[in-house]
Protein backbone atom coordinates (compact mmCIF):
# COMPACT_ATOMS: atom_id res chain seq x y z
CA MET A 1 0.12 -0.11 0.09
CA ASN A 2 1.30 3.37 -0.84
CA SER A 3 0.88 6.79 1.17
CA TYR A 4 0.17 9.61 -1.29
CA ALA A 5 -0.51 13.00 -0.75
CA VAL A 6 -2.64 14.89 -3.19
CA PHE A 7 -2.79 18.88 -3.78
CA LEU A 8 -5.84 20.27 -5.77
CA ARG A 9 -5.71 23.24 -7.40
CA GLY A 10 -7.95 26.07 -7.56
CA ILE A 11 -10.74 24.77 -4.81
CA ASN A 12 -12.41 27.03 -2.32
CA VAL A 13 -11.61 30.03 -4.20
CA ALA A 14 -13.25 31.93 -6.93
CA GLY A 15 -16.57 30.80 -6.33
CA ILE A 16 -15.54 27.06 -6.54
CA ASN A 17 -16.60 25.55 -3.48
CA ILE A 18 -16.07 21.95 -2.32
CA LYS A 19 -16.92 20.84 1.36
CA MET A 20 -14.22 18.43 2.50
CA ALA A 21 -17.13 16.23 4.13
CA ASP A 22 -18.57 15.98 0.51
CA LEU A 23 -15.12 15.31 -1.11
CA ARG A 24 -14.19 12.66 1.26
CA GLU A 25 -17.86 10.76 0.50
CA ALA A 26 -16.87 11.08 -3.46
CA LEU A 27 -13.68 9.40 -2.90
CA LYS A 28 -15.05 6.44 -1.21
CA ALA A 29 -16.15 4.54 -4.50
CA LEU A 30 -12.35 4.77 -5.46
CA PRO A 31 -9.64 2.40 -4.62
CA PHE A 32 -8.36 4.70 -1.83
CA SER A 33 -8.28 4.29 2.12
CA ALA A 34 -7.62 6.30 4.65
CA VAL A 35 -8.83 9.40 3.04
CA THR A 36 -8.15 12.45 4.95
CA THR A 37 -8.64 16.22 4.15
CA LEU A 38 -6.59 18.82 5.62
CA LEU A 39 -7.61 22.58 5.71
CA ALA A 40 -10.21 23.63 3.52
CA SER A 41 -7.77 24.48 0.61
CA GLY A 42 -7.52 20.96 -1.19
CA ASN A 43 -5.16 18.80 0.65
CA VAL A 44 -5.82 15.48 1.02
CA VAL A 45 -3.60 12.27 1.89
CA LEU A 46 -4.86 8.61 1.54
CA ALA A 47 -3.56 5.19 0.88
CA SER A 48 -3.94 3.09 -2.55
CA GLU A 49 -2.16 0.13 -4.28
CA LEU A 50 -2.37 2.22 -7.42
CA PRO A 51 0.44 3.86 -8.89
CA ALA A 52 0.74 7.79 -8.36
CA ALA A 53 -0.29 8.63 -12.41
CA ALA A 54 -3.33 6.31 -11.70
CA VAL A 55 -4.13 8.22 -8.24
CA LYS A 56 -4.19 11.42 -10.36
CA SER A 57 -6.53 10.03 -13.32
CA GLU A 58 -8.91 8.61 -10.53
CA PHE A 59 -8.96 11.31 -8.45
CA GLU A 60 -9.36 14.07 -11.23
CA SER A 61 -12.25 11.74 -12.76
CA CYS A 62 -14.08 11.79 -9.46
CA LEU A 63 -13.81 15.65 -9.28
CA ARG A 64 -15.29 16.18 -12.44
CA ASP A 65 -17.92 13.52 -11.99
CA ALA A 66 -18.92 14.56 -8.61
CA PHE A 67 -18.91 18.07 -8.64
CA GLY A 68 -18.45 19.35 -12.43
CA PHE A 69 -15.16 20.97 -11.69
CA ASP A 70 -12.59 20.92 -14.35
CA ALA A 71 -9.84 19.79 -11.73
CA TRP A 72 -6.32 19.17 -11.61
CA VAL A 73 -4.26 17.80 -8.94
CA VAL A 74 -0.60 16.85 -7.96
CA VAL A 75 0.02 13.91 -6.54
CA LEU A 76 3.34 12.80 -4.79
CA THR A 77 4.13 9.81 -2.71
CA ALA A 78 4.44 10.73 1.02
CA ALA A 79 8.05 10.25 1.05
CA ARG A 80 8.39 12.73 -1.50
CA VAL A 81 6.30 15.56 0.19
CA ALA A 82 8.85 14.86 3.34
CA GLU A 83 12.01 15.44 1.02
CA LEU A 84 10.78 18.48 -0.22
CA VAL A 85 10.02 19.95 3.10
CA GLU A 86 13.41 18.63 4.39
CA ALA A 87 14.79 20.34 1.22
CA CYS A 88 12.90 23.65 1.34
CA PRO A 89 15.94 26.31 2.22
CA TYR A 90 13.36 29.02 3.62
CA PRO A 91 11.58 28.78 7.32
CA ALA A 92 8.15 27.62 7.75
CA ASP A 93 7.52 30.62 10.22
CA ASP A 94 8.94 34.09 9.32
CA ALA A 95 7.67 37.54 10.50
CA ALA A 96 8.88 39.34 7.30
CA THR A 97 8.18 36.51 4.74
CA HIS A 98 6.32 33.50 3.59
CA SER A 99 7.69 30.26 2.18
CA TYR A 100 5.68 28.75 -0.62
CA VAL A 101 6.35 25.83 -2.67
CA THR A 102 4.85 25.35 -6.47
CA LEU A 103 4.15 21.92 -7.00
CA SER A 104 3.86 20.54 -10.46
CA SER A 105 2.87 17.50 -12.50
CA ASP A 106 4.57 18.58 -15.59
CA ALA A 107 8.42 19.01 -15.01
CA ALA A 108 8.37 21.23 -18.44
CA ALA A 109 5.96 23.22 -17.76
CA LEU A 110 7.55 23.68 -13.84
CA ALA A 111 10.97 24.38 -15.59
CA GLU A 112 9.38 27.03 -17.90
CA LEU A 113 7.90 28.85 -14.91
CA TYR A 114 11.25 28.59 -12.69
CA ASP A 115 13.44 29.77 -15.64
CA ALA A 116 10.97 32.58 -16.10
CA GLY A 117 10.55 33.20 -12.38
CA ALA A 118 14.42 33.37 -12.21
CA ALA A 119 14.49 36.33 -14.60
CA LEU A 120 12.38 38.50 -12.34
CA ASP A 121 13.99 41.14 -10.23
CA GLY A 122 13.85 40.66 -6.63
CA VAL A 123 12.56 36.99 -6.92
CA GLU A 124 14.19 34.35 -4.66
CA LEU A 125 13.39 30.73 -5.74
CA THR A 126 14.88 27.54 -5.34
CA ARG A 127 14.85 24.35 -7.61
CA LEU A 128 13.81 21.70 -4.74
CA GLY A 129 13.20 18.82 -7.96
CA ALA A 130 11.35 17.95 -10.92
CA GLU A 131 8.00 18.66 -9.11
CA ALA A 132 8.94 21.52 -6.88
CA VAL A 133 10.20 25.24 -6.77
CA ALA A 134 10.52 27.08 -3.33
CA TRP A 135 9.86 30.75 -3.16
CA LEU A 136 9.53 33.64 -0.94
CA ALA A 137 6.89 36.20 -0.77
CA PRO A 138 6.72 39.20 1.51
CA ALA A 139 4.52 39.03 4.51
CA GLY A 140 1.22 40.36 3.30
CA GLY A 141 1.90 40.50 -0.36
CA THR A 142 1.89 37.15 -1.52
CA LEU A 143 -0.66 37.77 -4.69
CA ASP A 144 1.13 41.00 -5.08
CA SER A 145 4.74 39.36 -5.53
CA PRO A 146 6.23 38.60 -9.23
CA PHE A 147 6.14 34.98 -8.71
CA SER A 148 2.85 34.71 -7.43
CA LYS A 149 1.60 36.58 -10.44
CA LEU A 150 3.73 34.40 -13.04
CA SER A 151 2.47 31.38 -11.67
CA ALA A 152 -1.12 32.68 -11.63
CA LYS A 153 -1.18 32.61 -15.42
CA ALA A 154 -3.62 30.33 -17.54
CA ARG A 155 -0.78 28.43 -19.08
CA TYR A 156 0.22 26.75 -15.46
CA LYS A 157 -3.40 26.38 -14.39
CA ALA A 158 -3.37 22.50 -15.18
CA SER A 159 -0.22 21.51 -13.96
CA THR A 160 0.65 23.53 -10.87
CA THR A 161 -0.61 24.18 -7.24
CA THR A 162 1.13 26.35 -4.93
CA ARG A 163 0.89 25.70 -0.96
CA ASN A 164 2.79 27.62 1.85
CA LEU A 165 5.29 25.51 3.47
CA ARG A 166 3.34 25.55 6.94
CA THR A 167 0.67 23.50 5.17
CA LEU A 168 3.19 21.02 3.42
CA VAL A 169 4.75 20.53 6.70
CA LYS A 170 1.08 19.41 8.03
CA VAL A 171 0.67 17.30 4.95
CA ARG A 172 3.88 15.52 5.48
CA ASP A 173 2.77 14.79 9.09
CA ALA A 174 -0.52 13.52 8.15
CA ALA A 175 0.77 11.41 5.19
CA ALA A 176 3.56 9.82 7.47
CA ARG A 177 0.74 8.64 10.03
CA LEU A 178 -0.77 6.63 6.91
CA ALA A 179 2.71 4.33 6.74
């Protein structure tokens, strides 16, 4: 049995609302067990015999069928989430900045995003792997930060999602309990 973290993009923002209890109920019909939702921003940990690509496909189909939501998710093993948290060079808690990790299901799209972000003035980025980029934003100015605006472009919608590092720590800890 594999432990996974599933990160949904774009729920409970911009008028797309899915209650976590409803999501858990919809997922019961799938070959997943120990499904746990975390926070209301689309973070799920679960166990499955399926490989990650099949978890992604099943999960996205479920969201479309159950909620009419054109959904995209990033699926990572619990072990990989733990590695990314440990690899992030930025602090989880800091009064002046917030640490974020942009996750992607498409290595080429993330590479493009990273290269474009690295070319911006005043942006601090660290590539954590083929599926993740860590970055800093000023406290209170995340949505106005240059990298946040760049990553919000439509071209990245189907393959990326961003979480603050504190959220990834919570997901890591919940996923570790499944193992």
